[in-house]
Each structure stands twice: as C-alpha cells, then as structure tokens.
Amino acid sequence: MAAVTSVRVNADNDKTDINTFELEPVNMVTRTSYMVKTLNDDTAVRQEPDSFSSEIAKIQKDSVYELLENIDDTWAKIVVDGQEGYVNIEEDAVVYENIQRDTDEESELRKNVVENALSFVGGDYVWGGEDPFSGVDCSGFTAYIMEDTAGVNLTHYSGAQASEGKVIGRDELQPGDLVFYSGENGINHVAIYAGHDKIVHASSSTTGIILSDMENGRTPVRFVSVLDDLQTKE
C-alpha cells in the first residue's frame, strides 16, 4: 500500500513521519445496538421505572429510540427531548436488535476523511480558528474535515462533538472516527483517528496540526463515529 504524502509537512511540527505513514485498511465492521419501538399512541415516558412515577412526556406509536438500559425486561431507559425517562416494554413498547454494517462506500469515505486530514499536517493552530488553510483549533479542524469530506455538520466545540455521533468502544475504532480527551473540566480535545493507533489533530499553538500517537501523554476518554450509514460525498 502506498504511503500518504502531504504537501504541507513541516518537519519541525511533525511528531510522526507522515511520509512513511500508511493508511490502515478499513475493516468491514458490524455494530449492534438495541432500539425501543412504541406500540401505542400516547405512550407514557416516566421519570422512574415505576407505573406510579411522574410522567415526563408522551410519545406516539412507532416512535424509535436507542435503548440505554433494560430493567428487568419491564422498563426501557431512553432519552426523549434531552430527558432520560422510562417506557414499559411489557405493555407499550418492544426492544429489538439493530445491526449496522459498514458498506464499501463508507469504507471509501473513511479513507477520504483521513487523507483530507493528513493533507493539513504542518498547518497552524489558531484558537477559535475554523479554516485549516489559515489556522484552526482542534474542534474547528474536525468540524472542517467532516463537513468538507462527508457533509457532516459538527459544532465547533469538542464537548458538544462528543455527543454528536454514536459512542463506540475502543475495539470498534475505525479510521475517520473521533477520539476525545478530557481535562479537569471535562472533554477539552478532539482528534481524528488515522489508524495504527495514530491520530491527526490540531494539537497546540506550539505544534500545529500533527500526526501523533493516540496515547500522547493523555488517555482517550471517548470514541465517537459520525460516519455510520453516510454516502460518499459528491
């Protein structure tokens, strides 16, 4: 496999030699989640898993939500309009398995995301920046790459981006997924997974945009996919 070559490489900034970095093949991944589908109109969503608990919302028949927790095969914990609540899965809803498989188009898209990100290695870090051609910060960089390559709109804030896709396990990590780090006040840095335990990110004003080890003095705290089920951008 040919190595990726960048026209923006700055040897003083580069933590991993981009000219010898080879793209990791994207595996065809199967991800399984569980969904809750309502059976009745005006299904009550309750504050606690109890029929006498306060009702926080009503949802209509055939509404679908991701299952957060199954309690004794009686109550399903879901999120409705930003609030966590419970629906009765003995009477009002069913739980089913949702299997998602990466497609060939998604694999190509992931490759394109990484190649686009790598093309900016050596660029400048600018706090609040949104354009890697003139300078960008970590979340501005990920937002730009995802919108430019995949048409995915992300908030220019790492803490928000951590909730704008599907949270995955480290063992499910694929090139093009997002990797998050935290500080004392929560998530404060985001990077794009490039494969081979490497990330590409707008690191700091000292280093700029670099390719580096995923374990770079900090341990990742969350992994998120925002590319599932997308088609290659025209």
Foldseek 3Di string as FASTA:
>chain_A
DAQFDAPQADPVQAPDPSNPDHFDQFDWDKDKFKKKFWAAFQFFWFADLDPPGDTDGGHHGGDMFTFPDQDPVFWTWGADPNDITITGCVPTIPMDMDMAIDDPQLSVLLLQLLSVLVNLFNFAADVVDQDSVPHYAFLSSLQCSCCVWFVDHDDSFQVRNLVQAAWDDPVRDGRQKKWWFADPVGTHGIFTDRDPQWTWGQDDRVNGTYIGGVPDVTHTDTIGDPRGPGGGDD
